[in-house]
Amino acid sequence: MGRGALSFVFRGKVGFLRTAVAIKRLDKEDKEASKAFCRELMIASSLYHSNIVPLVGFCIDPEEGLFLVYKYVSGGSLERHLHGIISCSLIWKFEI
């Protein structure tokens, strides 16, 4: 699905109901990956808001690497909506 500075993101399915998830695999070769993993795990597991994608779980595997599992949200990435070609329009409401 995508690539970040220290990670790759894949779409997957988990559980009996085959729930769609986004799996973020941090680059195990990068020295900063373990720090980034711990930081993101602490932050993502403590935030609960309707505009933040919830963390479903995580995995630490000595051979395969570090994984963060998020609920899958369709509609593309935030970066695509902010900087790319948008197929649907975003509606922003402001009150002053």
Protein backbone atom coordinates (compact mmCIF):
# COMPACT_ATOMS: atom_id res chain seq x y z
CA MET A 1 0.00 0.00 0.00
CA GLY A 2 2.79 2.40 0.77
CA ARG A 3 6.25 3.14 2.07
CA GLY A 4 7.49 5.51 4.75
CA ALA A 5 10.95 6.56 5.85
CA LEU A 6 11.35 3.55 8.15
CA SER A 7 8.51 1.26 7.09
CA PHE A 8 6.37 -0.48 4.51
CA VAL A 9 2.57 -0.71 4.83
CA PHE A 10 0.64 -3.72 3.60
CA ARG A 11 -3.05 -4.56 3.54
CA GLY A 12 -4.00 -7.79 5.24
CA LYS A 13 -6.81 -9.72 6.90
CA VAL A 14 -6.85 -11.07 10.43
CA GLY A 15 -9.06 -13.13 12.67
CA PHE A 16 -11.98 -15.42 12.14
CA LEU A 17 -13.98 -12.72 10.35
CA ARG A 18 -11.00 -11.84 8.11
CA THR A 19 -11.12 -8.18 9.17
CA ALA A 20 -9.16 -5.85 6.88
CA VAL A 21 -6.11 -4.26 8.51
CA ALA A 22 -3.14 -2.14 7.53
CA ILE A 23 0.12 -3.75 8.65
CA LYS A 24 3.09 -1.46 9.12
CA ARG A 25 6.39 -3.31 8.99
CA LEU A 26 9.32 -1.33 10.29
CA ASP A 27 12.69 -1.80 8.62
CA LYS A 28 14.60 -4.13 10.96
CA GLU A 29 17.91 -3.08 9.43
CA ASP A 30 17.45 0.56 10.42
CA LYS A 31 18.92 1.53 13.81
CA GLU A 32 16.13 4.03 14.46
CA ALA A 33 13.33 1.54 13.73
CA SER A 34 13.13 0.11 17.26
CA LYS A 35 12.93 3.59 18.78
CA ALA A 36 10.28 4.63 16.26
CA PHE A 37 8.35 1.40 16.93
CA CYS A 38 8.28 1.97 20.70
CA ARG A 39 7.35 5.63 20.31
CA GLU A 40 4.53 4.90 17.84
CA LEU A 41 3.25 1.98 19.92
CA MET A 42 3.07 4.14 23.06
CA ILE A 43 1.33 7.00 21.27
CA ALA A 44 -1.08 4.95 19.13
CA SER A 45 -2.15 2.75 22.04
CA SER A 46 -3.00 5.74 24.23
CA LEU A 47 -5.03 7.81 21.73
CA TYR A 48 -8.73 7.30 21.14
CA HIS A 49 -10.40 9.75 18.77
CA SER A 50 -12.82 9.42 15.85
CA ASN A 51 -10.26 11.00 13.48
CA ILE A 52 -7.35 8.72 14.47
CA VAL A 53 -7.03 5.23 12.99
CA PRO A 54 -7.03 2.77 15.91
CA LEU A 55 -4.16 0.41 16.62
CA VAL A 56 -5.40 -3.21 16.57
CA GLY A 57 -2.20 -4.88 17.74
CA PHE A 58 1.52 -5.36 17.27
CA CYS A 59 4.10 -8.08 16.78
CA ILE A 60 7.78 -8.32 17.65
CA ASP A 61 9.48 -11.13 15.76
CA PRO A 62 13.28 -11.48 16.02
CA GLU A 63 13.55 -12.85 12.48
CA GLU A 64 10.83 -10.93 10.61
CA GLY A 65 10.91 -7.58 12.38
CA LEU A 66 8.57 -5.14 14.09
CA PHE A 67 4.92 -4.83 13.07
CA LEU A 68 2.11 -2.44 13.99
CA VAL A 69 -1.41 -3.47 12.98
CA TYR A 70 -4.01 -0.75 12.39
CA LYS A 71 -7.66 -0.85 11.39
CA TYR A 72 -7.85 -0.55 7.60
CA VAL A 73 -9.46 2.66 6.38
CA SER A 74 -10.35 2.93 2.70
CA GLY A 75 -10.16 6.12 0.71
CA GLY A 76 -6.42 6.54 0.22
CA SER A 77 -3.75 8.15 2.30
CA LEU A 78 -3.86 11.55 3.97
CA GLU A 79 -0.84 12.53 1.85
CA ARG A 80 -2.78 11.74 -1.34
CA HIS A 81 -5.71 13.85 -0.19
CA LEU A 82 -3.48 16.78 0.75
CA HIS A 83 -0.95 16.72 -2.11
CA GLY A 84 -2.15 14.42 -4.87
CA ILE A 85 -4.98 14.18 -7.34
CA ILE A 86 -8.20 13.68 -5.43
CA SER A 87 -10.99 11.68 -7.00
CA CYS A 88 -13.51 12.78 -4.39
CA SER A 89 -13.78 16.19 -2.81
CA LEU A 90 -13.05 16.86 0.82
CA ILE A 91 -15.52 19.08 2.59
CA TRP A 92 -14.15 21.31 5.31
CA LYS A 93 -16.55 23.14 7.59
CA PHE A 94 -15.34 26.06 9.64
CA GLU A 95 -17.25 28.16 12.12
CA ILE A 96 -15.97 31.49 13.29
